[in-house]
Protein backbone atom coordinates (compact mmCIF):
# COMPACT_ATOMS: atom_id res chain seq x y z
CA MET A 1 55.74 -46.26 18.39
CA ILE A 2 53.13 -47.54 16.12
CA ASP A 3 53.62 -47.35 12.45
CA ILE A 4 50.59 -46.55 10.50
CA PRO A 5 51.23 -46.70 6.96
CA LEU A 6 48.05 -45.88 5.69
CA ILE A 7 48.47 -42.34 7.37
CA GLY A 8 52.04 -42.04 6.65
CA TYR A 9 55.60 -43.34 7.80
CA LYS A 10 56.02 -42.53 11.51
CA LEU A 11 52.79 -40.71 11.92
CA GLY A 12 51.77 -42.75 15.20
CA THR A 13 51.01 -42.78 19.27
CA GLU A 14 54.23 -41.59 20.22
CA LEU A 15 54.25 -38.28 17.71
CA ASN A 16 50.51 -37.73 18.82
CA TYR A 17 51.53 -38.26 22.35
CA ARG A 18 54.07 -35.82 22.48
CA ILE A 19 52.27 -32.58 20.35
CA SER A 20 49.24 -33.30 22.65
CA HIS A 21 51.60 -32.75 25.59
CA ALA A 22 53.52 -29.77 24.12
CA GLN A 23 53.72 -26.47 25.99
CA SER A 24 54.16 -24.36 22.78
CA ASN A 25 53.55 -23.59 19.05
CA ASN A 26 57.68 -23.99 18.71
CA GLU A 27 57.61 -27.15 20.46
CA ILE A 28 55.12 -28.46 18.04
CA LEU A 29 56.54 -27.15 15.01
CA ALA A 30 60.04 -28.60 16.26
CA LEU A 31 58.42 -32.07 17.05
CA THR A 32 56.99 -32.11 13.57
CA LEU A 33 60.24 -31.71 12.01
CA ASP A 34 62.06 -33.76 14.04
CA TYR A 35 59.79 -36.33 13.34
CA GLY A 36 59.51 -35.97 9.69
CA TYR A 37 55.69 -35.15 9.88
CA PRO A 38 54.76 -36.93 6.69
CA TYR A 39 51.14 -36.21 5.84
CA LEU A 40 48.34 -34.58 7.87
CA ASP A 41 47.86 -30.76 8.24
CA LEU A 42 48.04 -29.70 11.64
CA VAL A 43 47.00 -26.56 13.33
CA SER A 44 47.71 -25.40 17.11
CA ILE A 45 46.79 -22.39 19.06
CA ASP A 46 48.92 -21.59 22.12
CA THR A 47 47.81 -19.85 25.41
CA LYS A 48 48.19 -16.36 23.88
CA ASN A 49 46.16 -17.09 20.82
CA ASN A 50 48.85 -17.42 18.64
CA ILE A 51 48.04 -19.86 15.71
CA LEU A 52 50.63 -22.27 13.98
CA TYR A 53 49.82 -23.96 10.54
CA VAL A 54 51.96 -26.68 9.41
CA HIS A 55 51.37 -28.07 5.78
CA ASN A 56 53.34 -30.43 3.95
CA SER A 57 51.75 -31.11 0.73
CA HIS A 58 51.87 -29.65 -2.67
CA GLU A 59 50.12 -28.78 -5.74
CA PRO A 60 51.38 -28.45 -9.44
CA ILE A 61 52.50 -25.28 -11.02
CA ARG A 62 49.59 -23.72 -12.97
CA ALA A 63 49.49 -22.36 -16.36
CA SER A 64 48.45 -18.77 -14.83
CA GLU A 65 48.18 -17.18 -11.56
CA ASP A 66 44.77 -16.66 -11.99
CA GLU A 67 44.37 -20.52 -11.40
CA TYR A 68 45.49 -20.35 -7.93
CA MET A 69 43.55 -19.67 -4.68
CA SER A 70 46.06 -17.14 -3.70
CA ASP A 71 43.53 -15.33 -1.74
CA ILE A 72 43.23 -18.05 0.44
CA LEU A 73 46.85 -19.13 0.98
CA SER A 74 49.74 -17.79 -1.26
CA LEU A 75 53.34 -18.95 -1.36
CA ASP A 76 54.61 -15.53 -0.18
CA SER A 77 52.89 -15.51 3.01
CA LEU A 78 54.75 -19.06 3.96
CA THR A 79 58.15 -19.81 5.29
CA GLN A 80 59.62 -22.87 3.83
CA LEU A 81 61.95 -25.04 5.96
CA ASP A 82 65.05 -26.64 4.35
CA ASN A 83 65.74 -29.11 7.33
CA GLY A 84 63.55 -31.53 8.48
CA PHE A 85 63.13 -33.88 5.63
CA GLU A 86 64.30 -33.68 2.10
CA ASP A 87 61.85 -31.47 0.72
CA GLY A 88 61.23 -29.16 3.45
CA MET A 89 57.67 -28.25 4.92
CA PHE A 90 55.40 -24.90 4.83
CA TYR A 91 54.44 -23.62 7.95
CA ILE A 92 52.46 -19.69 8.81
CA GLU A 93 51.78 -18.16 11.94
CA ASN A 94 48.78 -16.11 12.42
CA PRO A 95 47.11 -16.18 9.33
CA LYS A 96 45.36 -13.10 8.73
CA SER A 97 42.44 -14.29 6.52
CA GLY A 98 41.66 -16.47 9.68
CA TYR A 99 40.88 -19.40 7.63
CA ILE A 100 42.84 -21.57 5.45
CA CYS A 101 41.44 -24.36 2.64
CA SER A 102 43.14 -27.17 1.43
CA ALA A 103 41.63 -28.82 -1.73
CA ASN A 104 42.88 -31.69 -3.10
CA GLN A 105 45.61 -31.80 -0.27
CA SER A 106 46.93 -28.27 -0.97
CA PRO A 107 46.41 -24.76 -2.39
CA LEU A 108 49.93 -23.99 -2.50
CA LYS A 109 52.43 -23.81 -5.51
CA THR A 110 55.23 -26.10 -6.50
CA ASP A 111 56.59 -28.22 -9.45
CA ASN A 112 56.10 -31.47 -10.48
CA ASP A 113 59.82 -32.67 -9.29
CA CYS A 114 58.99 -31.95 -5.50
CA ARG A 115 58.14 -34.93 -3.03
CA ARG A 116 60.01 -37.77 -4.16
CA PHE A 117 58.22 -39.79 -2.03
CA ASN A 118 54.68 -38.94 -3.55
CA LYS A 119 55.26 -42.28 -5.67
CA ASN A 120 53.48 -43.75 -2.06
CA GLY A 121 50.27 -42.24 -3.17
CA LEU A 122 49.81 -39.70 -0.37
CA HIS A 123 49.72 -36.54 -2.54
CA TYR A 124 48.04 -35.40 -5.65
CA TYR A 125 49.61 -33.64 -8.29
CA ASN A 126 46.47 -33.13 -10.52
CA ASP A 127 43.13 -31.33 -9.55
CA ASN A 128 40.36 -33.96 -9.83
CA SER A 129 36.61 -33.46 -9.34
CA ARG A 130 36.61 -32.48 -5.71
CA SER A 131 39.19 -29.89 -5.83
CA THR A 132 37.69 -28.11 -8.83
CA ARG A 133 34.45 -27.84 -7.43
CA ILE A 134 35.95 -26.65 -4.09
CA LYS A 135 37.91 -24.11 -5.43
CA ASN A 136 34.94 -22.73 -7.82
CA LEU A 137 32.64 -22.74 -4.97
CA LEU A 138 35.34 -20.69 -2.74
CA GLU A 139 35.69 -18.32 -5.71
CA THR A 140 32.08 -17.62 -6.00
CA GLU A 141 31.68 -16.95 -1.99
CA ILE A 142 34.84 -15.08 -1.74
CA ALA A 143 33.39 -12.64 -4.44
CA LYS A 144 30.51 -12.01 -2.11
CA GLY A 145 32.59 -11.34 0.92
CA LYS A 146 33.77 -12.80 4.01
CA ILE A 147 33.38 -16.68 4.20
CA ASP A 148 32.05 -18.03 7.65
CA LEU A 149 31.23 -21.34 9.08
CA GLU A 150 28.03 -21.53 7.51
CA THR A 151 29.11 -21.03 4.01
CA LEU A 152 31.94 -23.83 4.32
CA ALA A 153 29.43 -25.97 5.98
CA ASN A 154 27.28 -25.68 2.81
CA ILE A 155 30.13 -26.11 0.39
CA PHE A 156 31.30 -29.57 2.47
CA SER A 157 27.70 -30.83 1.43
CA ASP A 158 27.96 -30.08 -1.76
CA THR A 159 27.24 -32.81 -4.43
CA ARG A 160 27.91 -32.06 -7.98
CA VAL A 161 30.69 -33.72 -9.52
CA ILE A 162 32.75 -32.06 -12.43
CA LEU A 163 33.03 -34.82 -15.27
CA PRO A 164 34.17 -36.33 -16.87
CA ILE A 165 37.48 -37.43 -14.67
CA VAL A 166 35.77 -39.31 -11.68
CA ARG A 167 37.76 -41.06 -8.99
CA GLY A 168 40.47 -41.67 -11.25
CA ILE A 169 38.53 -42.99 -14.54
CA ASP A 170 38.18 -40.48 -17.44
CA PHE A 171 34.69 -41.20 -18.45
CA SER A 172 34.90 -38.92 -21.62
CA VAL A 173 33.55 -41.52 -23.80
CA ILE A 174 29.96 -41.36 -22.68
CA TYR A 175 29.82 -38.36 -24.68
CA GLU A 176 31.21 -40.13 -27.86
CA VAL A 177 29.21 -43.46 -27.72
CA VAL A 178 26.16 -43.93 -29.91
CA ALA A 179 23.81 -46.24 -28.88
CA HIS A 180 20.13 -47.39 -29.39
CA GLY A 181 17.26 -49.18 -27.22
CA ASN A 182 18.14 -49.34 -23.28
CA ARG A 183 22.08 -48.06 -23.94
CA GLY A 184 20.56 -45.37 -25.69
CA PHE A 185 18.13 -44.68 -23.36
CA LEU A 186 20.66 -44.27 -20.41
CA LEU A 187 23.34 -42.73 -22.50
CA ASP A 188 20.70 -39.97 -22.98
CA ILE A 189 20.26 -39.46 -19.56
CA LEU A 190 24.24 -39.45 -18.85
CA GLN A 191 25.13 -36.92 -21.50
CA LYS A 192 22.28 -34.51 -20.21
CA TRP A 193 23.21 -34.82 -16.64
CA ASP A 194 24.60 -31.68 -14.90
CA GLY A 195 26.57 -33.51 -12.55
CA GLU A 196 24.49 -32.64 -9.93
CA ALA A 197 24.13 -35.64 -7.22
CA ASP A 198 21.25 -35.00 -4.85
CA ILE A 199 18.77 -37.42 -4.18
CA MET A 200 16.18 -36.22 -6.91
CA SER A 201 18.72 -36.62 -9.45
CA GLU A 202 18.04 -39.03 -12.17
CA GLY A 203 21.40 -38.75 -13.98
CA ALA A 204 23.19 -39.13 -10.21
CA ALA A 205 21.16 -42.61 -10.09
CA VAL A 206 22.29 -43.80 -13.37
CA PHE A 207 25.93 -42.60 -12.85
CA ALA A 208 26.04 -44.22 -9.67
CA LEU A 209 25.27 -47.39 -10.59
CA LEU A 210 27.22 -47.33 -13.86
CA PHE A 211 30.26 -46.09 -11.70
CA TYR A 212 29.80 -48.94 -9.40
CA ARG A 213 29.77 -51.58 -11.94
CA TYR A 214 32.97 -50.08 -14.04
CA LYS A 215 34.83 -49.98 -10.79
CA ASP A 216 34.06 -53.60 -9.73
CA MET A 217 34.67 -55.19 -13.36
CA TYR A 218 37.51 -52.78 -14.95
CA TYR A 219 39.05 -50.72 -12.38
CA THR A 220 41.78 -51.23 -9.53
CA TYR A 221 42.80 -48.13 -7.31
CA HIS A 222 46.21 -47.20 -7.85
CA LYS A 223 48.76 -46.21 -5.09
CA ASN A 224 49.44 -43.31 -7.39
CA PRO A 225 46.27 -41.16 -7.25
CA ASP A 226 47.19 -39.41 -10.36
CA THR A 227 47.25 -42.52 -12.47
CA ILE A 228 44.19 -41.90 -14.81
CA LYS A 229 42.20 -45.01 -16.22
CA VAL A 230 40.48 -44.01 -19.82
CA ALA A 231 37.12 -46.03 -20.21
CA SER A 232 36.62 -47.47 -23.45
CA ALA A 233 33.30 -47.85 -25.44
CA SER A 234 33.14 -51.31 -24.79
CA GLU A 235 33.38 -50.98 -21.05
CA ILE A 236 31.03 -48.37 -20.83
CA ASN A 237 28.45 -50.61 -23.30
CA GLU A 238 28.80 -53.87 -20.85
CA CYS A 239 28.04 -51.36 -17.95
CA LEU A 240 24.96 -50.05 -19.66
CA ASP A 241 23.83 -53.51 -20.30
CA TRP A 242 24.43 -54.03 -16.49
CA VAL A 243 22.49 -51.04 -15.34
CA SER A 244 19.66 -51.46 -17.48
CA LYS A 245 18.66 -54.47 -15.64
CA ARG A 246 18.55 -52.50 -12.33
CA TYR A 247 17.53 -49.23 -13.42
CA VAL A 248 13.95 -48.50 -13.57
CA LYS A 249 12.60 -45.34 -15.56
CA GLY A 250 12.32 -42.22 -13.05
CA MET A 251 14.44 -43.55 -10.62
CA THR A 252 16.46 -40.96 -8.61
CA LEU A 253 19.34 -41.43 -6.51
CA GLY A 254 17.22 -41.25 -3.70
CA SER A 255 15.57 -44.07 -4.86
CA ILE A 256 18.75 -46.55 -4.86
CA GLN A 257 21.33 -44.99 -2.47
CA PHE A 258 20.97 -45.19 1.33
CA ILE A 259 23.11 -44.72 4.31
CA LYS A 260 22.39 -47.52 7.24
CA ARG A 261 22.76 -47.51 10.75
CA GLY A 262 21.47 -50.75 12.26
CA SER A 263 17.67 -50.96 11.60
CA VAL A 264 17.55 -47.30 10.22
CA SER A 265 17.94 -46.68 6.68
CA LYS A 266 17.76 -43.23 4.91
CA PRO A 267 18.09 -41.77 1.09
CA ILE A 268 21.53 -39.88 0.79
CA GLY A 269 22.92 -37.87 -2.30
CA GLY A 270 26.53 -37.71 -3.40
CA ILE A 271 28.43 -40.00 -5.43
CA PRO A 272 32.52 -40.55 -4.94
CA ASP A 273 34.53 -37.60 -5.92
CA SER A 274 31.66 -35.04 -4.96
CA VAL A 275 32.70 -32.68 -2.37
CA ASN A 276 30.48 -34.69 0.59
CA THR A 277 32.29 -37.82 -0.91
CA ILE A 278 29.83 -40.91 -0.76
CA ARG A 279 31.13 -44.16 -1.67
CA SER A 280 28.75 -47.23 -1.64
CA TYR A 281 28.64 -50.87 -2.04
CA PHE A 282 26.01 -52.70 -3.70
CA GLU A 283 23.53 -54.90 -2.00
CA LYS A 284 20.21 -55.94 -3.21
CA ASP A 285 19.85 -53.64 -6.10
CA LYS A 286 20.59 -50.89 -4.05
CA LEU A 287 23.84 -48.75 -3.13
CA VAL A 288 24.44 -48.44 0.66
CA ALA A 289 26.66 -45.60 1.48
CA GLU A 290 29.88 -46.45 3.25
CA GLU A 291 31.84 -43.31 3.29
CA GLY A 292 29.20 -41.39 4.85
CA CYS A 293 31.11 -41.91 7.95
CA ALA A 294 33.39 -39.50 7.66
CA PHE A 295 33.48 -37.06 10.78
CA ARG A 296 33.04 -33.76 9.87
CA MET A 297 34.17 -30.66 11.87
CA LEU A 298 34.34 -27.18 11.31
CA ILE A 299 36.79 -24.56 13.28
CA ASN A 300 36.84 -20.56 13.77
CA LEU A 301 40.03 -20.30 14.54
CA ASN A 302 39.98 -16.78 15.81
CA GLU A 303 36.75 -17.17 17.68
CA ARG A 304 37.00 -20.84 18.80
CA ASP A 305 34.07 -21.85 17.23
CA ILE A 306 33.95 -25.59 17.03
CA ARG A 307 31.23 -27.63 15.24
CA THR A 308 31.08 -31.22 15.02
CA CYS A 309 28.76 -34.02 13.46
CA HIS A 310 29.28 -37.47 13.12
CA PRO A 311 27.03 -39.10 10.38
CA TYR A 312 25.73 -41.83 12.67
CA GLY A 313 26.02 -41.15 16.57
CA THR A 314 28.50 -40.92 19.19
CA SER A 315 27.73 -44.59 20.43
CA SER A 316 28.57 -47.84 19.21
CA ASP A 317 25.81 -49.64 21.11
CA GLU A 318 22.64 -50.44 18.97
CA ALA A 319 20.56 -50.28 21.73
CA ALA A 320 22.05 -46.65 23.15
CA GLU A 321 20.00 -43.34 22.33
CA HIS A 322 22.54 -41.70 20.82
CA TYR A 323 23.36 -44.88 18.36
CA THR A 324 21.71 -42.78 15.43
CA SER A 325 21.47 -39.59 17.28
CA GLN A 326 23.34 -37.69 14.49
CA LEU A 327 22.03 -39.21 11.68
CA ASP A 328 19.69 -36.49 10.52
CA LEU A 329 22.04 -33.65 11.50
CA PHE A 330 24.47 -35.46 8.80
CA LEU A 331 21.66 -35.88 6.37
CA ASN A 332 20.38 -32.28 7.00
CA ASN A 333 24.10 -30.67 6.93
CA GLU A 334 23.73 -29.48 10.52
CA TYR A 335 26.52 -29.52 13.48
CA LYS A 336 26.70 -29.68 17.02
CA GLN A 337 28.37 -26.58 18.75
CA LEU A 338 31.12 -27.68 21.01
CA ARG A 339 31.25 -25.90 24.27
CA PRO A 340 34.88 -24.24 24.72
CA MET A 341 37.81 -26.00 26.20
CA THR A 342 37.55 -23.81 29.21
CA TYR A 343 34.23 -25.47 30.27
CA TYR A 344 36.00 -28.86 30.43
CA LYS A 345 38.56 -27.71 32.17
CA GLN A 346 36.77 -26.16 34.62
CA ASN A 347 34.16 -28.78 35.13
CA TYR A 348 36.04 -31.99 34.61
CA LYS A 349 39.41 -31.21 36.02
CA SER A 350 38.73 -32.52 39.54
CA LYS A 351 37.70 -35.78 37.64
CA MET A 352 40.38 -36.27 35.68
CA ILE A 353 43.56 -38.69 36.65
CA ILE A 354 46.84 -37.06 34.90
CA LYS A 355 49.69 -39.29 34.87
């Protein structure tokens, strides 16, 4: 078995192999307990259309019941298992809602004493910009009625960030610093910025450059994702000086941030901690998105509607047709709808070699 520390202890090829060959939800549930399934959420649908959802992340207890997304998945609707590993796991069978949302790892309630292995940095206790924004959007859509895949697709492409805490850095000092000249000009843009990080946003362009500089000079990501680094006035002033040498009045995020694939380069919105999560590296005074590479999948469990999008394409051969075939889909928040599994079984079974 291969140990993959990034994903979690013991989550390797053996467990994946056994899960893929399981014949029932009960067998899959038993496997997750036996192996101490450590990190990822899991959904299984058996031949009788029963749905199993196994979840093992937690969210802290809030000050009020109003702060929970109980309409999505409440603690009362779950079963906690005391065996398996030290703090137990949660699972739900055949959820009535037809969908489950996990924002900031989890919509479950628990206290901060749970999960002693959280020190490894795999689970968040506190809300961040991304989880707050997702929950706000869901609350808005739930008030309108049932959420469908199109609604979820729009949520996942959202680019707004909730300041002042972004990716473990508290930027509150931006609203406190007083500056003049180039610093004052940039601060004025940041202080008036609404957090929207689409390609036409001037504030997002300034913040994206400032964030890159701050991360590069003053911040090291912690294994504990709830560790908050508070930015100081002197640090922000130095970052503003750096940005002022690269930012020209009127520049938007689409002017300086691009997603690249071979010779193809196109503007892309989003910054770290926006729901669509774009992280960039700096190259020749431009930001090149590297976390736009996240594969996206939406699934309607009840209707077996599966939609996917790879931000680049399905081939790693630069000369191939599909090297960049899905790049525009990704930028336009569009998806390819997969055929049902029965199609592949009927059309490819004779070509498959099963050992």
